[in-house]
C-alpha atoms as a PDB file:
ATOM      1  CA  MET A   1      -2.020 -24.214  -2.346  1.00  0.00           C
ATOM      2  CA  THR A   2      -2.875 -20.359  -2.679  1.00  0.00           C
ATOM      3  CA  GLY A   3      -3.329 -17.847   0.233  1.00  0.00           C
ATOM      4  CA  LEU A   4      -4.873 -14.425   0.087  1.00  0.00           C
ATOM      5  CA  PHE A   5      -3.127 -11.255  -0.948  1.00  0.00           C
ATOM      6  CA  VAL A   6      -4.451  -8.303   0.625  1.00  0.00           C
ATOM      7  CA  THR A   7      -3.116  -4.662  -0.153  1.00  0.00           C
ATOM      8  CA  PHE A   8      -3.554  -1.586   2.437  1.00  0.00           C
ATOM      9  CA  GLU A   9      -3.977   1.841   0.285  1.00  0.00           C
ATOM     10  CA  GLY A  10      -4.270   5.332   1.113  1.00  0.00           C
ATOM     11  CA  GLY A  11      -2.397   8.628   1.192  1.00  0.00           C
ATOM     12  CA  GLU A  12       0.014  10.017   3.685  1.00  0.00           C
ATOM     13  CA  GLY A  13      -1.218   9.785   7.302  1.00  0.00           C
ATOM     14  CA  ALA A  14      -4.012   7.416   6.830  1.00  0.00           C
ATOM     15  CA  GLY A  15      -2.964   5.250   9.204  1.00  0.00           C
ATOM     16  CA  LYS A  16      -2.977   1.938   7.046  1.00  0.00           C
ATOM     17  CA  SER A  17       0.181   0.718   8.627  1.00  0.00           C
ATOM     18  CA  SER A  18      -1.038   0.883  12.345  1.00  0.00           C
ATOM     19  CA  VAL A  19      -4.414  -0.800  10.939  1.00  0.00           C
ATOM     20  CA  LEU A  20      -2.392  -3.703   9.215  1.00  0.00           C
ATOM     21  CA  ARG A  21      -0.343  -4.537  12.268  1.00  0.00           C
ATOM     22  CA  GLU A  22      -3.768  -4.652  14.258  1.00  0.00           C
ATOM     23  CA  VAL A  23      -5.593  -6.725  11.905  1.00  0.00           C
ATOM     24  CA  GLY A  24      -2.704  -8.926  11.341  1.00  0.00           C
ATOM     25  CA  GLN A  25      -2.486  -9.461  14.974  1.00  0.00           C
ATOM     26  CA  GLN A  26      -6.126 -10.347  15.249  1.00  0.00           C
ATOM     27  CA  LEU A  27      -5.874 -13.023  12.402  1.00  0.00           C
ATOM     28  CA  LYS A  28      -2.799 -14.479  14.016  1.00  0.00           C
ATOM     29  CA  GLU A  29      -4.319 -15.084  17.519  1.00  0.00           C
ATOM     30  CA  GLU A  30      -7.341 -16.489  15.584  1.00  0.00           C
ATOM     31  CA  GLY A  31      -4.456 -19.200  14.125  1.00  0.00           C
ATOM     32  CA  TYR A  32      -4.327 -17.853  10.563  1.00  0.00           C
ATOM     33  CA  PRO A  33      -0.933 -17.724   9.096  1.00  0.00           C
ATOM     34  CA  VAL A  34       0.042 -14.199   8.318  1.00  0.00           C
ATOM     35  CA  LEU A  35       2.632 -12.274   6.862  1.00  0.00           C
ATOM     36  CA  GLU A  36       2.846  -8.765   7.148  1.00  0.00           C
ATOM     37  CA  THR A  37       5.106  -6.741   4.832  1.00  0.00           C
ATOM     38  CA  ARG A  38       5.628  -3.481   2.970  1.00  0.00           C
ATOM     39  CA  GLU A  39       6.543  -1.594  -0.030  1.00  0.00           C
ATOM     40  CA  PRO A  40       8.935  -0.529  -1.134  1.00  0.00           C
ATOM     41  CA  GLY A  41      10.672  -2.965   1.099  1.00  0.00           C
ATOM     42  CA  GLY A  42       9.892  -5.866   3.023  1.00  0.00           C
ATOM     43  CA  ILE A  43      13.273  -7.687   2.087  1.00  0.00           C
ATOM     44  CA  GLU A  44      16.866  -6.396   1.917  1.00  0.00           C
ATOM     45  CA  ILE A  45      17.244  -5.291  -1.745  1.00  0.00           C
ATOM     46  CA  ALA A  46      13.984  -3.580  -1.701  1.00  0.00           C
ATOM     47  CA  GLU A  47      14.663  -1.913   1.388  1.00  0.00           C
ATOM     48  CA  LYS A  48      17.652  -0.447   0.043  1.00  0.00           C
ATOM     49  CA  ILE A  49      15.709   0.704  -3.047  1.00  0.00           C
ATOM     50  CA  ARG A  50      13.218   2.358  -0.438  1.00  0.00           C
ATOM     51  CA  HIS A  51      15.937   4.415   1.038  1.00  0.00           C
ATOM     52  CA  VAL A  52      17.248   5.802  -2.207  1.00  0.00           C
ATOM     53  CA  ILE A  53      13.339   6.709  -2.894  1.00  0.00           C
ATOM     54  CA  LEU A  54      12.338   8.227   0.029  1.00  0.00           C
ATOM     55  CA  GLU A  55      15.673   9.988   1.288  1.00  0.00           C
ATOM     56  CA  PRO A  56      14.316  13.401   1.828  1.00  0.00           C
ATOM     57  CA  SER A  57      17.762  14.840   0.191  1.00  0.00           C
ATOM     58  CA  HIS A  58      16.945  13.155  -3.027  1.00  0.00           C
ATOM     59  CA  THR A  59      14.731  16.205  -4.256  1.00  0.00           C
ATOM     60  CA  ALA A  60      16.373  16.232  -7.685  1.00  0.00           C
ATOM     61  CA  MET A  61      14.890  12.656  -8.348  1.00  0.00           C
ATOM     62  CA  ASP A  62      13.010  12.738 -11.786  1.00  0.00           C
ATOM     63  CA  GLY A  63       9.460  11.317 -11.796  1.00  0.00           C
ATOM     64  CA  ARG A  64      10.062   8.321 -14.565  1.00  0.00           C
ATOM     65  CA  THR A  65      12.988   7.173 -12.025  1.00  0.00           C
ATOM     66  CA  GLU A  66      11.008   7.234  -8.953  1.00  0.00           C
ATOM     67  CA  ALA A  67       8.309   5.132 -10.958  1.00  0.00           C
ATOM     68  CA  LEU A  68      11.099   2.608 -12.520  1.00  0.00           C
ATOM     69  CA  LEU A  69      12.700   2.349  -8.876  1.00  0.00           C
ATOM     70  CA  TYR A  70       9.118   1.573  -7.286  1.00  0.00           C
ATOM     71  CA  ALA A  71       8.569  -1.073  -9.923  1.00  0.00           C
ATOM     72  CA  ALA A  72      11.825  -2.818  -9.405  1.00  0.00           C
ATOM     73  CA  ALA A  73      11.606  -2.851  -5.558  1.00  0.00           C
ATOM     74  CA  ARG A  74       8.154  -4.180  -6.227  1.00  0.00           C
ATOM     75  CA  ARG A  75       9.552  -6.934  -8.424  1.00  0.00           C
ATOM     76  CA  GLN A  76      12.222  -8.354  -6.075  1.00  0.00           C
ATOM     77  CA  HIS A  77       9.779  -7.825  -3.167  1.00  0.00           C
ATOM     78  CA  LEU A  78       7.130 -10.159  -4.827  1.00  0.00           C
ATOM     79  CA  VAL A  79       9.441 -12.744  -6.164  1.00  0.00           C
ATOM     80  CA  GLU A  80      11.359 -13.022  -2.885  1.00  0.00           C
ATOM     81  CA  LYS A  81       8.821 -12.852  -0.373  1.00  0.00           C
ATOM     82  CA  VAL A  82       5.059 -12.336  -1.450  1.00  0.00           C
ATOM     83  CA  ILE A  83       4.602 -15.115  -3.868  1.00  0.00           C
ATOM     84  CA  PRO A  84       6.401 -17.830  -1.631  1.00  0.00           C
ATOM     85  CA  ALA A  85       4.067 -16.744   1.275  1.00  0.00           C
ATOM     86  CA  LEU A  86       0.967 -17.402  -0.825  1.00  0.00           C
ATOM     87  CA  GLU A  87       2.179 -20.510  -2.459  1.00  0.00           C
ATOM     88  CA  GLU A  88       2.351 -21.519   1.112  1.00  0.00           C
ATOM     89  CA  GLY A  89      -1.003 -20.768   1.636  1.00  0.00           C
ATOM     90  CA  MET A  90      -0.537 -17.706   3.949  1.00  0.00           C
ATOM     91  CA  ILE A  91      -2.446 -14.426   4.242  1.00  0.00           C
ATOM     92  CA  VAL A  92      -0.152 -11.853   2.979  1.00  0.00           C
ATOM     93  CA  LEU A  93      -1.215  -8.289   4.268  1.00  0.00           C
ATOM     94  CA  CYS A  94       0.925  -5.658   2.317  1.00  0.00           C
ATOM     95  CA  ASP A  95       1.240  -1.793   2.760  1.00  0.00           C
ATOM     96  CA  ARG A  96       0.908  -0.544  -0.499  1.00  0.00           C
ATOM     97  CA  PHE A  97       1.210  -2.191  -3.878  1.00  0.00           C
ATOM     98  CA  ILE A  98       0.564  -1.442  -7.437  1.00  0.00           C
ATOM     99  CA  ASP A  99      -2.038   1.155  -6.769  1.00  0.00           C
ATOM    100  CA  SER A 100       0.393   3.400  -4.921  1.00  0.00           C
ATOM    101  CA  SER A 101       2.170   3.782  -8.077  1.00  0.00           C
ATOM    102  CA  LEU A 102      -0.824   4.453 -10.326  1.00  0.00           C
ATOM    103  CA  ALA A 103      -1.840   7.464  -7.718  1.00  0.00           C
ATOM    104  CA  TYR A 104       1.332   8.785  -6.717  1.00  0.00           C
ATOM    105  CA  GLN A 105       3.578   8.619  -9.921  1.00  0.00           C
ATOM    106  CA  GLY A 106       0.844   7.852 -12.639  1.00  0.00           C
ATOM    107  CA  HIS A 107      -1.658  10.759 -11.389  1.00  0.00           C
ATOM    108  CA  ALA A 108       0.025  13.051  -9.077  1.00  0.00           C
ATOM    109  CA  ARG A 109       3.413  12.893 -10.687  1.00  0.00           C
ATOM    110  CA  GLY A 110       1.448  13.556 -13.898  1.00  0.00           C
ATOM    111  CA  LEU A 111       3.389  10.581 -15.818  1.00  0.00           C
ATOM    112  CA  GLY A 112      -0.006   9.058 -16.455  1.00  0.00           C
ATOM    113  CA  MET A 113      -1.694   6.100 -14.867  1.00  0.00           C
ATOM    114  CA  ASP A 114      -1.902   3.823 -17.839  1.00  0.00           C
ATOM    115  CA  ASP A 115       1.588   4.190 -18.647  1.00  0.00           C
ATOM    116  CA  VAL A 116       2.837   3.428 -15.157  1.00  0.00           C
ATOM    117  CA  TYR A 117       0.498   0.432 -14.944  1.00  0.00           C
ATOM    118  CA  LYS A 118       2.500  -0.943 -18.240  1.00  0.00           C
ATOM    119  CA  ILE A 119       5.852  -0.381 -15.938  1.00  0.00           C
ATOM    120  CA  ASN A 120       4.417  -2.408 -13.302  1.00  0.00           C
ATOM    121  CA  GLU A 121       2.689  -4.812 -15.635  1.00  0.00           C
ATOM    122  CA  PHE A 122       6.338  -6.009 -16.454  1.00  0.00           C
ATOM    123  CA  ALA A 123       7.274  -5.950 -12.896  1.00  0.00           C
ATOM    124  CA  ILE A 124       4.221  -7.987 -11.526  1.00  0.00           C
ATOM    125  CA  GLU A 125       3.347 -10.423 -14.339  1.00  0.00           C
ATOM    126  CA  ASN A 126      -0.254 -10.179 -13.479  1.00  0.00           C
ATOM    127  CA  ARG A 127      -0.156 -11.058  -9.859  1.00  0.00           C
ATOM    128  CA  MET A 128      -2.676  -8.491  -8.661  1.00  0.00           C
ATOM    129  CA  PRO A 129      -4.142  -8.386  -4.971  1.00  0.00           C
ATOM    130  CA  ASP A 130      -6.979 -10.651  -4.142  1.00  0.00           C
ATOM    131  CA  MET A 131      -8.457  -7.514  -2.444  1.00  0.00           C
ATOM    132  CA  THR A 132      -7.259  -4.022  -1.643  1.00  0.00           C
ATOM    133  CA  LEU A 133      -8.355  -1.561   1.319  1.00  0.00           C
ATOM    134  CA  PHE A 134      -8.319   1.684   0.558  1.00  0.00           C
ATOM    135  CA  PHE A 135      -8.346   3.887   4.048  1.00  0.00           C
ATOM    136  CA  ASP A 136     -10.104   7.001   3.006  1.00  0.00           C
ATOM    137  CA  ILE A 137      -9.164  10.276   4.477  1.00  0.00           C
ATOM    138  CA  LYS A 138      -8.818  13.942   3.122  1.00  0.00           C
ATOM    139  CA  PRO A 139      -5.288  14.836   2.500  1.00  0.00           C
ATOM    140  CA  GLU A 140      -5.139  17.879   4.965  1.00  0.00           C
ATOM    141  CA  GLU A 141      -6.271  15.820   7.723  1.00  0.00           C
ATOM    142  CA  GLY A 142      -3.843  13.128   6.895  1.00  0.00           C
ATOM    143  CA  LEU A 143      -1.138  15.499   6.862  1.00  0.00           C
ATOM    144  CA  ALA A 144      -2.194  17.075  10.154  1.00  0.00           C
ATOM    145  CA  ARG A 145      -1.871  13.486  11.648  1.00  0.00           C
ATOM    146  CA  ILE A 146       1.750  13.519  10.510  1.00  0.00           C
ATOM    147  CA  GLU A 147       2.389  16.612  11.906  1.00  0.00           C
ATOM    148  CA  ALA A 148       1.184  15.405  15.226  1.00  0.00           C
ATOM    149  CA  ASN A 149       3.015  12.346  15.073  1.00  0.00           C
ATOM    150  CA  LYS A 150       6.537  13.225  15.346  1.00  0.00           C
ATOM    151  CA  GLY A 151       7.492   9.533  15.980  1.00  0.00           C
ATOM    152  CA  ARG A 152       6.456   8.427  12.453  1.00  0.00           C
ATOM    153  CA  GLU A 153       8.952   7.795   9.631  1.00  0.00           C
ATOM    154  CA  GLN A 154       9.730  11.162   7.891  1.00  0.00           C
ATOM    155  CA  ASN A 155      10.211  10.710   3.998  1.00  0.00           C
ATOM    156  CA  ARG A 156      10.406  12.937   0.719  1.00  0.00           C
ATOM    157  CA  LEU A 157       7.002  12.670  -0.032  1.00  0.00           C
ATOM    158  CA  ASP A 158       6.073  14.679   3.117  1.00  0.00           C
ATOM    159  CA  LEU A 159       7.859  17.352   1.556  1.00  0.00           C
ATOM    160  CA  GLU A 160       5.273  17.795  -1.167  1.00  0.00           C
ATOM    161  CA  LYS A 161       2.550  20.500  -0.889  1.00  0.00           C
ATOM    162  CA  LEU A 162      -0.988  19.693  -0.145  1.00  0.00           C
ATOM    163  CA  ASP A 163      -2.080  20.170  -4.240  1.00  0.00           C
ATOM    164  CA  PHE A 164       0.193  16.969  -4.562  1.00  0.00           C
ATOM    165  CA  HIS A 165      -1.460  15.096  -1.955  1.00  0.00           C
ATOM    166  CA  GLU A 166      -4.981  16.205  -3.290  1.00  0.00           C
ATOM    167  CA  LYS A 167      -4.028  14.704  -6.737  1.00  0.00           C
ATOM    168  CA  VAL A 168      -3.142  11.378  -5.041  1.00  0.00           C
ATOM    169  CA  TYR A 169      -6.726  11.307  -3.081  1.00  0.00           C
ATOM    170  CA  GLU A 170      -8.146  12.040  -6.773  1.00  0.00           C
ATOM    171  CA  ALA A 171      -6.338   9.294  -8.170  1.00  0.00           C
ATOM    172  CA  TYR A 172      -7.388   6.718  -5.371  1.00  0.00           C
ATOM    173  CA  GLN A 173     -11.056   7.942  -6.062  1.00  0.00           C
ATOM    174  CA  GLN A 174     -10.657   6.931  -9.589  1.00  0.00           C
ATOM    175  CA  LEU A 175      -8.957   3.751  -8.771  1.00  0.00           C
ATOM    176  CA  VAL A 176     -12.060   3.071  -6.410  1.00  0.00           C
ATOM    177  CA  GLU A 177     -14.355   3.118  -9.472  1.00  0.00           C
ATOM    178  CA  ARG A 178     -12.053   1.340 -11.904  1.00  0.00           C
ATOM    179  CA  TYR A 179     -11.394  -1.912  -9.750  1.00  0.00           C
ATOM    180  CA  ASP A 180     -14.158  -4.048  -7.830  1.00  0.00           C
ATOM    181  CA  ARG A 181     -11.367  -5.152  -5.734  1.00  0.00           C
ATOM    182  CA  ILE A 182     -10.699  -2.037  -3.647  1.00  0.00           C
ATOM    183  CA  GLN A 183     -13.008  -1.788  -0.556  1.00  0.00           C
ATOM    184  CA  VAL A 184     -13.204   1.831   1.022  1.00  0.00           C
ATOM    185  CA  ILE A 185     -12.677   2.004   4.763  1.00  0.00           C
ATOM    186  CA  ASP A 186     -13.298   5.280   6.395  1.00  0.00           C
ATOM    187  CA  ALA A 187     -10.034   6.110   8.202  1.00  0.00           C
ATOM    188  CA  THR A 188     -11.286   9.312  10.143  1.00  0.00           C
ATOM    189  CA  PRO A 189     -12.709   7.410  13.076  1.00  0.00           C
ATOM    190  CA  SER A 190     -10.699   6.266  16.009  1.00  0.00           C
ATOM    191  CA  ILE A 191      -7.821   3.661  15.134  1.00  0.00           C
ATOM    192  CA  ASP A 192      -9.990   0.863  16.925  1.00  0.00           C
ATOM    193  CA  LYS A 193     -12.922   1.587  14.927  1.00  0.00           C
ATOM    194  CA  VAL A 194     -10.856   1.356  11.616  1.00  0.00           C
ATOM    195  CA  VAL A 195      -9.412  -1.742  12.688  1.00  0.00           C
ATOM    196  CA  GLU A 196     -12.520  -3.530  13.517  1.00  0.00           C
ATOM    197  CA  SER A 197     -13.890  -2.111   9.958  1.00  0.00           C
ATOM    198  CA  ALA A 198     -11.010  -3.308   8.016  1.00  0.00           C
ATOM    199  CA  TYR A 199     -11.056  -6.800   9.937  1.00  0.00           C
ATOM    200  CA  ARG A 200     -14.644  -7.039   9.126  1.00  0.00           C
ATOM    201  CA  THR A 201     -14.253  -6.579   5.496  1.00  0.00           C
ATOM    202  CA  ILE A 202     -11.335  -8.900   5.214  1.00  0.00           C
ATOM    203  CA  LYS A 203     -12.739 -11.799   7.092  1.00  0.00           C
ATOM    204  CA  PRO A 204     -15.563 -13.063   4.728  1.00  0.00           C
ATOM    205  CA  HIS A 205     -12.694 -12.991   2.020  1.00  0.00           C
ATOM    206  CA  LEU A 206     -10.558 -15.817   3.799  1.00  0.00           C
ATOM    207  CA  PRO A 207     -10.325 -18.901   1.834  1.00  0.00           C
ATOM    208  CA  THR A 208     -12.944 -21.476   2.936  1.00  0.00           C
ATOM    209  CA  ARG A 209     -10.278 -24.049   3.732  1.00  0.00           C
ATOM    210  CA  MET A 210      -8.552 -21.735   6.504  1.00  0.00           C
ATOM    211  CA  LEU A 211     -12.079 -21.050   8.484  1.00  0.00           C
END
């Protein structure tokens, strides 16, 4: 029995985490078995790695160290939480996955997307998402949202300058062209409209046995 693995991607302030929660709730209300999780994190070991990666004071962290830590957290999260849920036939909605590493460390950090993919290929053993939603919003608008939302978790990536986030956005555009599994969601409208768009995009991809 195999479920559906859906990842939510986007730059800082795209609203993907909020949309994931709302979409997950809608699917649960319709009786679908849903697991909501996030990267880095989702389980105890990966959450500890998350703290190391995103701690604002860790400004000395090398780009390759960062990429390796993300891959390590991803591996543990995958084998401990994601794969078992998929084998039980659940719909797994994951806030970030491999595409984030390709965009942030591969392109924005200048490590090379192909090299970062190789690191993650070892970690995930070809377990790619069934589909990915990319929440499309220009970096300056996403960062403005963060500034306006003081209750959001602040992390080390929020300290990066605009040009870093522009590189992240550029990388996602390249990934959209590279992978057919990535669907673009306009993240600029109200949260309700973005949730509706994401829900409509996922619904046709649900396994037939769940419908």
